[in-house]
Amino acid sequence: MTDHYSLKLDQQICHSLYSATNALIRTYRPLLAELDLTYPQYLLMLALWEEDGVMIKRLVERTRFDAGTLTPILQRLEQKALITRRRSDDDSRQKRIVVTQKGRALSERALKVPQAIVCQLDISADEAALLKGLTDKLYRQLA
């Protein structure tokens, strides 16, 4: 007789991660709506606020978005005048992504987002760090 315990939904890590991710993104949604950003746009802006003037290749590495996913997000952020795409001085085939003054100003308003999320989570700083570490480890092993 085969043990079907491993096929139980409650035993699936993927289900727990999927459900938690969806719930977390739903929690972000109203906070980001105030900034006129979607969750993927927010992630991209976080990367750019941390490291401005980078090549698209670097954003692919940082955000873990593939180039095909990244391009339409960049287009929308450029339409909102939060970023500009400029040709690289080193290689004219490459684009450098630069945060505009409006985009930099948005970072000040975005400061409240992480604080609001933390207030909604009933986990300690150590638990949050452990969770982040484990999910990063999972990503590295599967990527």
C-alpha atoms as a PDB file:
ATOM      1  CA  MET A   1       0.000   0.000   0.000  1.00  0.00           C
ATOM      2  CA  THR A   2       1.335   3.404  -0.967  1.00  0.00           C
ATOM      3  CA  ASP A   3       1.554   6.140   1.606  1.00  0.00           C
ATOM      4  CA  HIS A   4      -0.346   9.129   0.227  1.00  0.00           C
ATOM      5  CA  TYR A   5       0.581  11.365   3.161  1.00  0.00           C
ATOM      6  CA  SER A   6       3.007  13.285   0.935  1.00  0.00           C
ATOM      7  CA  LEU A   7       0.110  14.121  -1.402  1.00  0.00           C
ATOM      8  CA  LYS A   8      -1.926  15.874   1.274  1.00  0.00           C
ATOM      9  CA  LEU A   9      -2.460  19.559   0.490  1.00  0.00           C
ATOM     10  CA  ASP A  10      -1.611  20.552   4.065  1.00  0.00           C
ATOM     11  CA  GLN A  11       1.851  19.012   3.624  1.00  0.00           C
ATOM     12  CA  GLN A  12       2.795  21.086   0.578  1.00  0.00           C
ATOM     13  CA  ILE A  13       5.364  23.863   1.079  1.00  0.00           C
ATOM     14  CA  CYS A  14       4.368  25.282  -2.299  1.00  0.00           C
ATOM     15  CA  HIS A  15       0.772  25.753  -1.136  1.00  0.00           C
ATOM     16  CA  SER A  16       1.827  27.553   2.034  1.00  0.00           C
ATOM     17  CA  LEU A  17       4.184  29.852   0.121  1.00  0.00           C
ATOM     18  CA  TYR A  18       1.619  30.518  -2.607  1.00  0.00           C
ATOM     19  CA  SER A  19      -1.124  31.347  -0.099  1.00  0.00           C
ATOM     20  CA  ALA A  20       1.152  33.522   2.032  1.00  0.00           C
ATOM     21  CA  THR A  21       2.448  35.378  -1.023  1.00  0.00           C
ATOM     22  CA  ASN A  22      -1.063  36.124  -2.256  1.00  0.00           C
ATOM     23  CA  ALA A  23      -2.142  37.327   1.190  1.00  0.00           C
ATOM     24  CA  LEU A  24       0.944  39.516   1.510  1.00  0.00           C
ATOM     25  CA  ILE A  25       0.455  41.096  -1.912  1.00  0.00           C
ATOM     26  CA  ARG A  26      -3.210  41.789  -1.063  1.00  0.00           C
ATOM     27  CA  THR A  27      -1.966  43.540   2.091  1.00  0.00           C
ATOM     28  CA  TYR A  28       0.413  45.688   0.032  1.00  0.00           C
ATOM     29  CA  ARG A  29      -2.215  46.610  -2.575  1.00  0.00           C
ATOM     30  CA  PRO A  30      -4.005  49.492  -0.758  1.00  0.00           C
ATOM     31  CA  LEU A  31      -0.707  50.932   0.486  1.00  0.00           C
ATOM     32  CA  LEU A  32       0.757  50.905  -3.010  1.00  0.00           C
ATOM     33  CA  ALA A  33      -2.440  52.296  -4.540  1.00  0.00           C
ATOM     34  CA  GLU A  34      -1.725  55.493  -2.594  1.00  0.00           C
ATOM     35  CA  LEU A  35       1.601  55.638  -4.455  1.00  0.00           C
ATOM     36  CA  ASP A  36      -0.002  54.715  -7.798  1.00  0.00           C
ATOM     37  CA  LEU A  37       2.224  51.626  -8.007  1.00  0.00           C
ATOM     38  CA  THR A  38       1.530  47.960  -8.572  1.00  0.00           C
ATOM     39  CA  TYR A  39       3.459  45.412  -6.524  1.00  0.00           C
ATOM     40  CA  PRO A  40       5.913  44.605  -9.375  1.00  0.00           C
ATOM     41  CA  GLN A  41       6.437  48.345  -9.979  1.00  0.00           C
ATOM     42  CA  TYR A  42       7.119  48.780  -6.261  1.00  0.00           C
ATOM     43  CA  LEU A  43       9.744  46.023  -6.298  1.00  0.00           C
ATOM     44  CA  LEU A  44      11.443  47.634  -9.262  1.00  0.00           C
ATOM     45  CA  MET A  45      11.414  51.059  -7.624  1.00  0.00           C
ATOM     46  CA  LEU A  46      12.864  49.554  -4.426  1.00  0.00           C
ATOM     47  CA  ALA A  47      15.766  48.196  -6.472  1.00  0.00           C
ATOM     48  CA  LEU A  48      16.263  51.547  -8.209  1.00  0.00           C
ATOM     49  CA  TRP A  49      16.044  53.610  -5.014  1.00  0.00           C
ATOM     50  CA  GLU A  50      18.795  51.397  -3.654  1.00  0.00           C
ATOM     51  CA  GLU A  51      20.937  51.435  -6.798  1.00  0.00           C
ATOM     52  CA  ASP A  52      20.114  54.119  -9.374  1.00  0.00           C
ATOM     53  CA  GLY A  53      21.450  54.405 -12.899  1.00  0.00           C
ATOM     54  CA  VAL A  54      21.789  50.682 -13.513  1.00  0.00           C
ATOM     55  CA  MET A  55      21.594  48.576 -16.633  1.00  0.00           C
ATOM     56  CA  ILE A  56      18.538  46.452 -17.301  1.00  0.00           C
ATOM     57  CA  LYS A  57      20.662  43.322 -16.802  1.00  0.00           C
ATOM     58  CA  ARG A  58      21.357  44.433 -13.236  1.00  0.00           C
ATOM     59  CA  LEU A  59      17.639  44.956 -12.590  1.00  0.00           C
ATOM     60  CA  VAL A  60      16.934  41.442 -13.857  1.00  0.00           C
ATOM     61  CA  GLU A  61      19.444  40.136 -11.290  1.00  0.00           C
ATOM     62  CA  ARG A  62      18.124  42.278  -8.450  1.00  0.00           C
ATOM     63  CA  THR A  63      14.377  41.867  -8.975  1.00  0.00           C
ATOM     64  CA  ARG A  64      14.487  38.287 -10.313  1.00  0.00           C
ATOM     65  CA  PHE A  65      12.149  39.375 -13.117  1.00  0.00           C
ATOM     66  CA  ASP A  66      13.043  38.141 -16.579  1.00  0.00           C
ATOM     67  CA  ALA A  67      13.700  40.782 -19.234  1.00  0.00           C
ATOM     68  CA  GLY A  68      10.335  40.118 -20.905  1.00  0.00           C
ATOM     69  CA  THR A  69       8.500  40.834 -17.654  1.00  0.00           C
ATOM     70  CA  LEU A  70      10.686  43.802 -16.792  1.00  0.00           C
ATOM     71  CA  THR A  71      10.252  45.721 -20.059  1.00  0.00           C
ATOM     72  CA  PRO A  72       6.510  46.516 -19.738  1.00  0.00           C
ATOM     73  CA  ILE A  73       6.987  47.479 -16.086  1.00  0.00           C
ATOM     74  CA  LEU A  74       9.761  49.886 -17.083  1.00  0.00           C
ATOM     75  CA  GLN A  75       7.550  51.320 -19.816  1.00  0.00           C
ATOM     76  CA  ARG A  76       4.748  52.017 -17.334  1.00  0.00           C
ATOM     77  CA  LEU A  77       7.139  53.599 -14.840  1.00  0.00           C
ATOM     78  CA  GLU A  78       8.529  55.780 -17.607  1.00  0.00           C
ATOM     79  CA  GLN A  79       4.982  56.829 -18.604  1.00  0.00           C
ATOM     80  CA  LYS A  80       4.455  57.869 -14.973  1.00  0.00           C
ATOM     81  CA  ALA A  81       7.685  59.927 -15.220  1.00  0.00           C
ATOM     82  CA  LEU A  82       9.276  57.988 -12.353  1.00  0.00           C
ATOM     83  CA  ILE A  83      12.222  56.748 -14.429  1.00  0.00           C
ATOM     84  CA  THR A  84      13.976  57.414 -17.702  1.00  0.00           C
ATOM     85  CA  ARG A  85      15.738  54.943 -19.951  1.00  0.00           C
ATOM     86  CA  ARG A  86      19.005  56.289 -21.330  1.00  0.00           C
ATOM     87  CA  ARG A  87      21.584  54.820 -23.629  1.00  0.00           C
ATOM     88  CA  SER A  88      24.682  53.685 -21.821  1.00  0.00           C
ATOM     89  CA  ASP A  89      27.822  55.740 -22.349  1.00  0.00           C
ATOM     90  CA  ASP A  90      29.817  52.505 -22.505  1.00  0.00           C
ATOM     91  CA  ASP A  91      27.579  50.560 -24.900  1.00  0.00           C
ATOM     92  CA  SER A  92      24.904  52.316 -26.962  1.00  0.00           C
ATOM     93  CA  ARG A  93      22.979  49.039 -27.305  1.00  0.00           C
ATOM     94  CA  GLN A  94      22.421  48.938 -23.540  1.00  0.00           C
ATOM     95  CA  LYS A  95      19.903  50.995 -21.575  1.00  0.00           C
ATOM     96  CA  ARG A  96      20.633  52.571 -18.213  1.00  0.00           C
ATOM     97  CA  ILE A  97      17.624  53.119 -15.947  1.00  0.00           C
ATOM     98  CA  VAL A  98      17.639  56.388 -14.006  1.00  0.00           C
ATOM     99  CA  VAL A  99      15.174  57.506 -11.347  1.00  0.00           C
ATOM    100  CA  THR A 100      13.708  60.943 -12.057  1.00  0.00           C
ATOM    101  CA  GLN A 101      13.229  63.671  -9.475  1.00  0.00           C
ATOM    102  CA  LYS A 102       9.555  62.651  -9.241  1.00  0.00           C
ATOM    103  CA  GLY A 103      10.648  59.046  -8.679  1.00  0.00           C
ATOM    104  CA  ARG A 104      13.065  60.045  -5.928  1.00  0.00           C
ATOM    105  CA  ALA A 105      10.363  62.111  -4.246  1.00  0.00           C
ATOM    106  CA  LEU A 106       8.085  59.072  -4.274  1.00  0.00           C
ATOM    107  CA  SER A 107      10.587  57.192  -2.103  1.00  0.00           C
ATOM    108  CA  GLU A 108       9.787  59.554   0.771  1.00  0.00           C
ATOM    109  CA  ARG A 109       6.106  58.654   0.562  1.00  0.00           C
ATOM    110  CA  ALA A 110       6.999  54.964   0.243  1.00  0.00           C
ATOM    111  CA  LEU A 111       8.795  54.946   3.593  1.00  0.00           C
ATOM    112  CA  LYS A 112       5.500  54.238   5.347  1.00  0.00           C
ATOM    113  CA  VAL A 113       4.871  51.017   3.373  1.00  0.00           C
ATOM    114  CA  PRO A 114       7.322  48.668   5.165  1.00  0.00           C
ATOM    115  CA  GLN A 115       6.280  50.110   8.521  1.00  0.00           C
ATOM    116  CA  ALA A 116       2.600  49.491   7.751  1.00  0.00           C
ATOM    117  CA  ILE A 117       3.328  45.908   6.706  1.00  0.00           C
ATOM    118  CA  VAL A 118       5.348  45.195   9.865  1.00  0.00           C
ATOM    119  CA  CYS A 119       2.467  46.505  11.972  1.00  0.00           C
ATOM    120  CA  GLN A 120       0.178  43.911  10.403  1.00  0.00           C
ATOM    121  CA  LEU A 121       2.523  40.975  11.023  1.00  0.00           C
ATOM    122  CA  ASP A 122       2.609  39.247  14.381  1.00  0.00           C
ATOM    123  CA  ILE A 123       6.147  37.913  14.040  1.00  0.00           C
ATOM    124  CA  SER A 124       9.363  38.954  15.715  1.00  0.00           C
ATOM    125  CA  ALA A 125      12.311  40.506  13.905  1.00  0.00           C
ATOM    126  CA  ASP A 126      14.189  37.212  14.358  1.00  0.00           C
ATOM    127  CA  GLU A 127      11.300  35.242  12.839  1.00  0.00           C
ATOM    128  CA  ALA A 128      11.102  37.679   9.920  1.00  0.00           C
ATOM    129  CA  ALA A 129      14.858  37.332   9.305  1.00  0.00           C
ATOM    130  CA  LEU A 130      14.592  33.536   9.477  1.00  0.00           C
ATOM    131  CA  LEU A 131      11.668  33.512   7.037  1.00  0.00           C
ATOM    132  CA  LYS A 132      13.529  35.786   4.619  1.00  0.00           C
ATOM    133  CA  GLY A 133      16.642  33.628   4.858  1.00  0.00           C
ATOM    134  CA  LEU A 134      14.769  30.398   4.267  1.00  0.00           C
ATOM    135  CA  THR A 135      12.832  31.740   1.287  1.00  0.00           C
ATOM    136  CA  ASP A 136      16.038  33.137  -0.238  1.00  0.00           C
ATOM    137  CA  LYS A 137      17.716  29.750   0.281  1.00  0.00           C
ATOM    138  CA  LEU A 138      14.756  28.021  -1.385  1.00  0.00           C
ATOM    139  CA  TYR A 139      14.977  30.421  -4.347  1.00  0.00           C
ATOM    140  CA  ARG A 140      18.729  29.876  -4.773  1.00  0.00           C
ATOM    141  CA  GLN A 141      18.302  26.100  -4.699  1.00  0.00           C
ATOM    142  CA  LEU A 142      15.499  26.118  -7.255  1.00  0.00           C
ATOM    143  CA  ALA A 143      16.657  28.912  -9.589  1.00  0.00           C
END
